[in-house]
Amino acid sequence: MGDAATVVRTGRKFEQVLAGAREVFMADGFEGASVDDIARSAGVSKATLYSYFPDKRLLFMEVARHECQRMAEETAARIDPAAPPADVLTMAAVEIVSFMLSGFGLQVYRICVAEAERFPELGQAFYESGPVRGRERLAEYFRHACAQGELQIDDMALAAEQFSELCKCRLWPRAVFGLQTEFSRAEIIDVAREATTTFLARYGT
């Protein structure tokens, strides 16, 4: 694929191309994913694939952006601003931990690390689509909770990063290093609750 930086996000086969690319990237990584395999998985011609994504890097970044956006929208839709902070944050933490431990989350993370020197834009795109957007959503909720007198935070961005890091405790390192491949719902909820408890001990009123 060429170096053009244009992605066409219209057309009836756009979602079809993304689904096929996601399957191949998850199975073969970035370097191992061929245009032929992606086109075959998506059920489209190479010409159609090129018309949407003239560069394989753009396709990978779009797959990551699309998945992160879907997760963020689903999580945001479940947030009840009227609920106690402990409930809201525990729910958010469960979603964050679940995403980080998912096959998609782990594979994209590994691809970005493996390709960091050659294609740093891959990592940047995932970082901006995933962690950055997630922290922005958290910061929005923090502002609301602070206005209600439920939290007391001076630096919303820092607090959002701290909460995200608390969600990485215990399970995420085991997953990254391949020490554990399956995680129960109970394990995820336990980490989420502890992250929330620790965070509220610092910022709760």
C-alpha atoms as a PDB file:
ATOM      1  CA  MET A   1       0.000   0.000   0.000  1.00  0.00           C
ATOM      2  CA  GLY A   2       1.109   3.576  -0.592  1.00  0.00           C
ATOM      3  CA  ASP A   3       1.818   6.412   1.751  1.00  0.00           C
ATOM      4  CA  ALA A   4      -1.313   8.461   1.245  1.00  0.00           C
ATOM      5  CA  ALA A   5      -2.845   9.651   4.498  1.00  0.00           C
ATOM      6  CA  THR A   6      -6.483   9.610   3.429  1.00  0.00           C
ATOM      7  CA  VAL A   7      -9.078   7.221   4.775  1.00  0.00           C
ATOM      8  CA  VAL A   8     -12.494   6.962   3.114  1.00  0.00           C
ATOM      9  CA  ARG A   9     -15.051   6.251   5.864  1.00  0.00           C
ATOM     10  CA  THR A  10     -18.071   5.950   3.588  1.00  0.00           C
ATOM     11  CA  GLY A  11     -19.436   3.185   1.438  1.00  0.00           C
ATOM     12  CA  ARG A  12     -21.289  -0.018   2.218  1.00  0.00           C
ATOM     13  CA  LYS A  13     -18.142  -2.132   2.482  1.00  0.00           C
ATOM     14  CA  PHE A  14     -16.265   0.048   4.947  1.00  0.00           C
ATOM     15  CA  GLU A  15     -17.385  -1.917   8.027  1.00  0.00           C
ATOM     16  CA  GLN A  16     -16.777  -5.134   6.109  1.00  0.00           C
ATOM     17  CA  VAL A  17     -13.168  -4.133   5.443  1.00  0.00           C
ATOM     18  CA  LEU A  18     -12.640  -3.192   9.103  1.00  0.00           C
ATOM     19  CA  ALA A  19     -14.017  -6.525  10.314  1.00  0.00           C
ATOM     20  CA  GLY A  20     -11.760  -8.484   7.979  1.00  0.00           C
ATOM     21  CA  ALA A  21      -8.703  -6.434   8.890  1.00  0.00           C
ATOM     22  CA  ARG A  22      -9.404  -6.828  12.599  1.00  0.00           C
ATOM     23  CA  GLU A  23      -9.498 -10.612  12.226  1.00  0.00           C
ATOM     24  CA  VAL A  24      -6.212 -10.751  10.324  1.00  0.00           C
ATOM     25  CA  PHE A  25      -4.353  -8.283  12.549  1.00  0.00           C
ATOM     26  CA  MET A  26      -5.406 -10.208  15.649  1.00  0.00           C
ATOM     27  CA  ALA A  27      -4.225 -13.483  14.142  1.00  0.00           C
ATOM     28  CA  ASP A  28      -1.025 -12.429  12.365  1.00  0.00           C
ATOM     29  CA  GLY A  29       0.065  -9.133  13.923  1.00  0.00           C
ATOM     30  CA  PHE A  30       0.872  -6.037  11.911  1.00  0.00           C
ATOM     31  CA  GLU A  31       3.928  -7.239  10.009  1.00  0.00           C
ATOM     32  CA  GLY A  32       2.448 -10.655   9.245  1.00  0.00           C
ATOM     33  CA  ALA A  33      -0.862  -9.281   7.987  1.00  0.00           C
ATOM     34  CA  SER A  34      -0.856  -9.264   4.185  1.00  0.00           C
ATOM     35  CA  VAL A  35      -3.124  -7.236   1.932  1.00  0.00           C
ATOM     36  CA  ASP A  36      -4.229 -10.435   0.209  1.00  0.00           C
ATOM     37  CA  ASP A  37      -5.266 -12.034   3.514  1.00  0.00           C
ATOM     38  CA  ILE A  38      -7.112  -8.922   4.644  1.00  0.00           C
ATOM     39  CA  ALA A  39      -9.001  -8.641   1.369  1.00  0.00           C
ATOM     40  CA  ARG A  40      -9.868 -12.345   1.482  1.00  0.00           C
ATOM     41  CA  SER A  41     -11.065 -12.122   5.085  1.00  0.00           C
ATOM     42  CA  ALA A  42     -13.138  -9.041   4.319  1.00  0.00           C
ATOM     43  CA  GLY A  43     -14.628 -10.605   1.200  1.00  0.00           C
ATOM     44  CA  VAL A  44     -13.575  -7.706  -1.014  1.00  0.00           C
ATOM     45  CA  SER A  45     -11.139  -7.184  -3.855  1.00  0.00           C
ATOM     46  CA  LYS A  46      -7.712  -5.653  -3.316  1.00  0.00           C
ATOM     47  CA  ALA A  47      -8.858  -2.694  -5.411  1.00  0.00           C
ATOM     48  CA  THR A  48     -11.757  -2.106  -3.004  1.00  0.00           C
ATOM     49  CA  LEU A  49      -9.406  -2.381  -0.041  1.00  0.00           C
ATOM     50  CA  TYR A  50      -7.030   0.155  -1.568  1.00  0.00           C
ATOM     51  CA  SER A  51      -9.913   2.524  -2.273  1.00  0.00           C
ATOM     52  CA  TYR A  52     -10.665   2.700   1.439  1.00  0.00           C
ATOM     53  CA  PHE A  53      -7.163   2.395   2.884  1.00  0.00           C
ATOM     54  CA  PRO A  54      -4.167   3.259   0.680  1.00  0.00           C
ATOM     55  CA  ASP A  55      -1.787   2.363   3.536  1.00  0.00           C
ATOM     56  CA  LYS A  56      -1.785  -0.675   5.843  1.00  0.00           C
ATOM     57  CA  ARG A  57      -0.796   1.536   8.753  1.00  0.00           C
ATOM     58  CA  LEU A  58      -3.932   3.611   8.222  1.00  0.00           C
ATOM     59  CA  LEU A  59      -6.010   0.455   8.238  1.00  0.00           C
ATOM     60  CA  PHE A  60      -4.504  -0.736  11.512  1.00  0.00           C
ATOM     61  CA  MET A  61      -4.993   2.675  13.112  1.00  0.00           C
ATOM     62  CA  GLU A  62      -8.605   2.767  11.964  1.00  0.00           C
ATOM     63  CA  VAL A  63      -9.277  -0.683  13.401  1.00  0.00           C
ATOM     64  CA  ALA A  64      -7.833   0.438  16.751  1.00  0.00           C
ATOM     65  CA  ARG A  65      -9.719   3.746  16.675  1.00  0.00           C
ATOM     66  CA  HIS A  66     -12.994   2.055  15.793  1.00  0.00           C
ATOM     67  CA  GLU A  67     -12.732  -0.527  18.582  1.00  0.00           C
ATOM     68  CA  CYS A  68     -11.695   2.026  21.207  1.00  0.00           C
ATOM     69  CA  GLN A  69     -14.525   4.345  20.202  1.00  0.00           C
ATOM     70  CA  ARG A  70     -17.031   1.509  20.464  1.00  0.00           C
ATOM     71  CA  MET A  71     -15.833   0.639  23.956  1.00  0.00           C
ATOM     72  CA  ALA A  72     -15.881   4.283  25.076  1.00  0.00           C
ATOM     73  CA  GLU A  73     -19.415   4.824  23.789  1.00  0.00           C
ATOM     74  CA  GLU A  74     -20.719   1.667  25.448  1.00  0.00           C
ATOM     75  CA  THR A  75     -19.116   2.633  28.757  1.00  0.00           C
ATOM     76  CA  ALA A  76     -20.388   6.225  28.589  1.00  0.00           C
ATOM     77  CA  ALA A  77     -23.908   5.013  27.868  1.00  0.00           C
ATOM     78  CA  ARG A  78     -23.874   2.973  31.093  1.00  0.00           C
ATOM     79  CA  ILE A  79     -22.721   5.815  33.344  1.00  0.00           C
ATOM     80  CA  ASP A  80     -25.442   7.221  35.591  1.00  0.00           C
ATOM     81  CA  PRO A  81     -24.207  10.614  36.846  1.00  0.00           C
ATOM     82  CA  ALA A  82     -26.736  10.417  39.685  1.00  0.00           C
ATOM     83  CA  ALA A  83     -25.249   7.174  41.029  1.00  0.00           C
ATOM     84  CA  PRO A  84     -22.719   7.228  43.902  1.00  0.00           C
ATOM     85  CA  PRO A  85     -19.090   7.673  42.752  1.00  0.00           C
ATOM     86  CA  ALA A  86     -18.187   4.227  44.103  1.00  0.00           C
ATOM     87  CA  ASP A  87     -20.719   2.622  41.759  1.00  0.00           C
ATOM     88  CA  VAL A  88     -19.777   4.722  38.731  1.00  0.00           C
ATOM     89  CA  LEU A  89     -16.051   4.227  39.166  1.00  0.00           C
ATOM     90  CA  THR A  90     -16.317   0.507  39.839  1.00  0.00           C
ATOM     91  CA  MET A  91     -18.328   0.067  36.647  1.00  0.00           C
ATOM     92  CA  ALA A  92     -15.809   2.125  34.695  1.00  0.00           C
ATOM     93  CA  ALA A  93     -12.915   0.168  36.191  1.00  0.00           C
ATOM     94  CA  VAL A  94     -14.517  -3.152  35.247  1.00  0.00           C
ATOM     95  CA  GLU A  95     -14.781  -1.949  31.642  1.00  0.00           C
ATOM     96  CA  ILE A  96     -11.192  -0.667  31.600  1.00  0.00           C
ATOM     97  CA  VAL A  97      -9.744  -3.864  33.069  1.00  0.00           C
ATOM     98  CA  SER A  98     -11.857  -6.053  30.782  1.00  0.00           C
ATOM     99  CA  PHE A  99     -10.691  -4.164  27.703  1.00  0.00           C
ATOM    100  CA  MET A 100      -7.029  -4.314  28.708  1.00  0.00           C
ATOM    101  CA  LEU A 101      -7.286  -8.079  29.253  1.00  0.00           C
ATOM    102  CA  SER A 102      -9.241  -8.726  26.052  1.00  0.00           C
ATOM    103  CA  GLY A 103      -7.604 -10.431  23.111  1.00  0.00           C
ATOM    104  CA  PHE A 104      -7.947  -7.237  21.109  1.00  0.00           C
ATOM    105  CA  GLY A 105      -6.502  -4.981  23.808  1.00  0.00           C
ATOM    106  CA  LEU A 106      -3.500  -7.209  24.429  1.00  0.00           C
ATOM    107  CA  GLN A 107      -2.752  -7.853  20.768  1.00  0.00           C
ATOM    108  CA  VAL A 108      -2.930  -4.179  19.794  1.00  0.00           C
ATOM    109  CA  TYR A 109      -0.692  -3.276  22.727  1.00  0.00           C
ATOM    110  CA  ARG A 110       1.864  -5.891  21.682  1.00  0.00           C
ATOM    111  CA  ILE A 111       1.756  -4.788  18.050  1.00  0.00           C
ATOM    112  CA  CYS A 112       2.317  -1.155  19.007  1.00  0.00           C
ATOM    113  CA  VAL A 113       5.281  -2.059  21.224  1.00  0.00           C
ATOM    114  CA  ALA A 114       6.794  -4.381  18.600  1.00  0.00           C
ATOM    115  CA  GLU A 115       6.492  -1.758  15.840  1.00  0.00           C
ATOM    116  CA  ALA A 116       7.354   1.281  17.990  1.00  0.00           C
ATOM    117  CA  GLU A 117      10.728   1.973  16.370  1.00  0.00           C
ATOM    118  CA  ARG A 118       9.640   1.511  12.749  1.00  0.00           C
ATOM    119  CA  PHE A 119       6.114   2.899  12.959  1.00  0.00           C
ATOM    120  CA  PRO A 120       5.705   5.075  16.074  1.00  0.00           C
ATOM    121  CA  GLU A 121       2.508   6.474  14.586  1.00  0.00           C
ATOM    122  CA  LEU A 122       0.774   3.158  15.311  1.00  0.00           C
ATOM    123  CA  GLY A 123       1.363   3.537  19.025  1.00  0.00           C
ATOM    124  CA  GLN A 124       0.435   7.195  18.932  1.00  0.00           C
ATOM    125  CA  ALA A 125      -2.846   6.448  17.182  1.00  0.00           C
ATOM    126  CA  PHE A 126      -3.792   3.733  19.682  1.00  0.00           C
ATOM    127  CA  TYR A 127      -2.751   5.888  22.619  1.00  0.00           C
ATOM    128  CA  GLU A 128      -4.869   8.800  21.421  1.00  0.00           C
ATOM    129  CA  SER A 129      -7.863   6.613  20.545  1.00  0.00           C
ATOM    130  CA  GLY A 130      -7.746   4.510  23.695  1.00  0.00           C
ATOM    131  CA  PRO A 131      -6.028   5.815  26.840  1.00  0.00           C
ATOM    132  CA  VAL A 132      -6.369   9.512  25.999  1.00  0.00           C
ATOM    133  CA  ARG A 133     -10.069   9.339  25.087  1.00  0.00           C
ATOM    134  CA  GLY A 134     -10.781   7.167  28.105  1.00  0.00           C
ATOM    135  CA  ARG A 135      -9.112   9.617  30.446  1.00  0.00           C
ATOM    136  CA  GLU A 136     -10.989  12.506  28.880  1.00  0.00           C
ATOM    137  CA  ARG A 137     -14.263  10.719  29.624  1.00  0.00           C
ATOM    138  CA  LEU A 138     -13.141  10.097  33.209  1.00  0.00           C
ATOM    139  CA  ALA A 139     -12.161  13.742  33.623  1.00  0.00           C
ATOM    140  CA  GLU A 140     -15.620  14.795  32.422  1.00  0.00           C
ATOM    141  CA  TYR A 141     -17.220  12.649  35.097  1.00  0.00           C
ATOM    142  CA  PHE A 142     -14.799  13.927  37.737  1.00  0.00           C
ATOM    143  CA  ARG A 143     -15.814  17.525  36.973  1.00  0.00           C
ATOM    144  CA  HIS A 144     -19.450  16.589  37.422  1.00  0.00           C
ATOM    145  CA  ALA A 145     -18.780  14.731  40.689  1.00  0.00           C
ATOM    146  CA  CYS A 146     -16.700  17.628  42.009  1.00  0.00           C
ATOM    147  CA  ALA A 147     -19.498  20.064  41.200  1.00  0.00           C
ATOM    148  CA  GLN A 148     -21.831  17.820  43.221  1.00  0.00           C
ATOM    149  CA  GLY A 149     -19.411  17.830  46.138  1.00  0.00           C
ATOM    150  CA  GLU A 150     -18.748  14.088  45.824  1.00  0.00           C
ATOM    151  CA  LEU A 151     -15.092  14.345  44.808  1.00  0.00           C
ATOM    152  CA  GLN A 152     -12.371  16.897  45.470  1.00  0.00           C
ATOM    153  CA  ILE A 153      -9.833  17.022  42.639  1.00  0.00           C
ATOM    154  CA  ASP A 154      -7.544  19.826  41.511  1.00  0.00           C
ATOM    155  CA  ASP A 155      -5.917  18.163  38.492  1.00  0.00           C
ATOM    156  CA  MET A 156      -8.567  16.209  36.579  1.00  0.00           C
ATOM    157  CA  ALA A 157      -6.160  14.892  33.937  1.00  0.00           C
ATOM    158  CA  LEU A 158      -3.715  13.573  36.521  1.00  0.00           C
ATOM    159  CA  ALA A 159      -6.500  11.955  38.531  1.00  0.00           C
ATOM    160  CA  ALA A 160      -7.802  10.238  35.410  1.00  0.00           C
ATOM    161  CA  GLU A 161      -4.340   8.846  34.679  1.00  0.00           C
ATOM    162  CA  GLN A 162      -3.983   7.677  38.266  1.00  0.00           C
ATOM    163  CA  PHE A 163      -7.317   5.855  38.127  1.00  0.00           C
ATOM    164  CA  SER A 164      -6.348   4.156  34.857  1.00  0.00           C
ATOM    165  CA  GLU A 165      -3.045   3.031  36.347  1.00  0.00           C
ATOM    166  CA  LEU A 166      -4.797   1.581  39.391  1.00  0.00           C
ATOM    167  CA  CYS A 167      -6.790  -0.590  36.993  1.00  0.00           C
ATOM    168  CA  LYS A 168      -3.546  -2.186  35.768  1.00  0.00           C
ATOM    169  CA  CYS A 169      -2.793  -3.724  39.149  1.00  0.00           C
ATOM    170  CA  ARG A 170      -2.258  -7.486  39.404  1.00  0.00           C
ATOM    171  CA  LEU A 171      -4.009  -8.877  36.334  1.00  0.00           C
ATOM    172  CA  TRP A 172      -2.649  -6.754  33.481  1.00  0.00           C
ATOM    173  CA  PRO A 173       1.062  -7.570  34.099  1.00  0.00           C
ATOM    174  CA  ARG A 174       0.185 -11.269  34.248  1.00  0.00           C
ATOM    175  CA  ALA A 175      -1.595 -10.993  30.923  1.00  0.00           C
ATOM    176  CA  VAL A 176       1.153  -8.991  29.204  1.00  0.00           C
ATOM    177  CA  PHE A 177       3.858 -11.452  30.198  1.00  0.00           C
ATOM    178  CA  GLY A 178       1.724 -14.482  29.397  1.00  0.00           C
ATOM    179  CA  LEU A 179       1.618 -15.736  32.967  1.00  0.00           C
ATOM    180  CA  GLN A 180      -2.169 -15.977  32.886  1.00  0.00           C
ATOM    181  CA  THR A 181      -4.454 -16.206  29.856  1.00  0.00           C
ATOM    182  CA  GLU A 182      -7.921 -16.519  31.378  1.00  0.00           C
ATOM    183  CA  PHE A 183      -9.468 -14.217  33.949  1.00  0.00           C
ATOM    184  CA  SER A 184     -12.692 -14.693  35.850  1.00  0.00           C
ATOM    185  CA  ARG A 185     -15.312 -12.024  36.295  1.00  0.00           C
ATOM    186  CA  ALA A 186     -14.675 -12.174  40.027  1.00  0.00           C
ATOM    187  CA  GLU A 187     -10.968 -11.397  39.541  1.00  0.00           C
ATOM    188  CA  ILE A 188     -11.770  -8.402  37.354  1.00  0.00           C
ATOM    189  CA  ILE A 189     -14.374  -7.044  39.767  1.00  0.00           C
ATOM    190  CA  ASP A 190     -11.954  -7.438  42.677  1.00  0.00           C
ATOM    191  CA  VAL A 191      -9.313  -5.314  40.927  1.00  0.00           C
ATOM    192  CA  ALA A 192     -11.970  -2.774  39.920  1.00  0.00           C
ATOM    193  CA  ARG A 193     -13.272  -2.419  43.467  1.00  0.00           C
ATOM    194  CA  GLU A 194      -9.795  -2.056  44.938  1.00  0.00           C
ATOM    195  CA  ALA A 195      -8.917   0.580  42.333  1.00  0.00           C
ATOM    196  CA  THR A 196     -12.067   2.509  43.226  1.00  0.00           C
ATOM    197  CA  THR A 197     -11.504   2.199  46.965  1.00  0.00           C
ATOM    198  CA  THR A 198      -7.922   3.451  46.676  1.00  0.00           C
ATOM    199  CA  PHE A 199      -8.944   6.318  44.397  1.00  0.00           C
ATOM    200  CA  LEU A 200     -11.773   7.449  46.675  1.00  0.00           C
ATOM    201  CA  ALA A 201      -9.465   7.305  49.694  1.00  0.00           C
ATOM    202  CA  ARG A 202      -7.467  10.024  47.951  1.00  0.00           C
ATOM    203  CA  TYR A 203     -10.167  12.089  46.235  1.00  0.00           C
ATOM    204  CA  GLY A 204     -13.472  11.223  47.905  1.00  0.00           C
ATOM    205  CA  THR A 205     -15.206  13.704  50.179  1.00  0.00           C
END
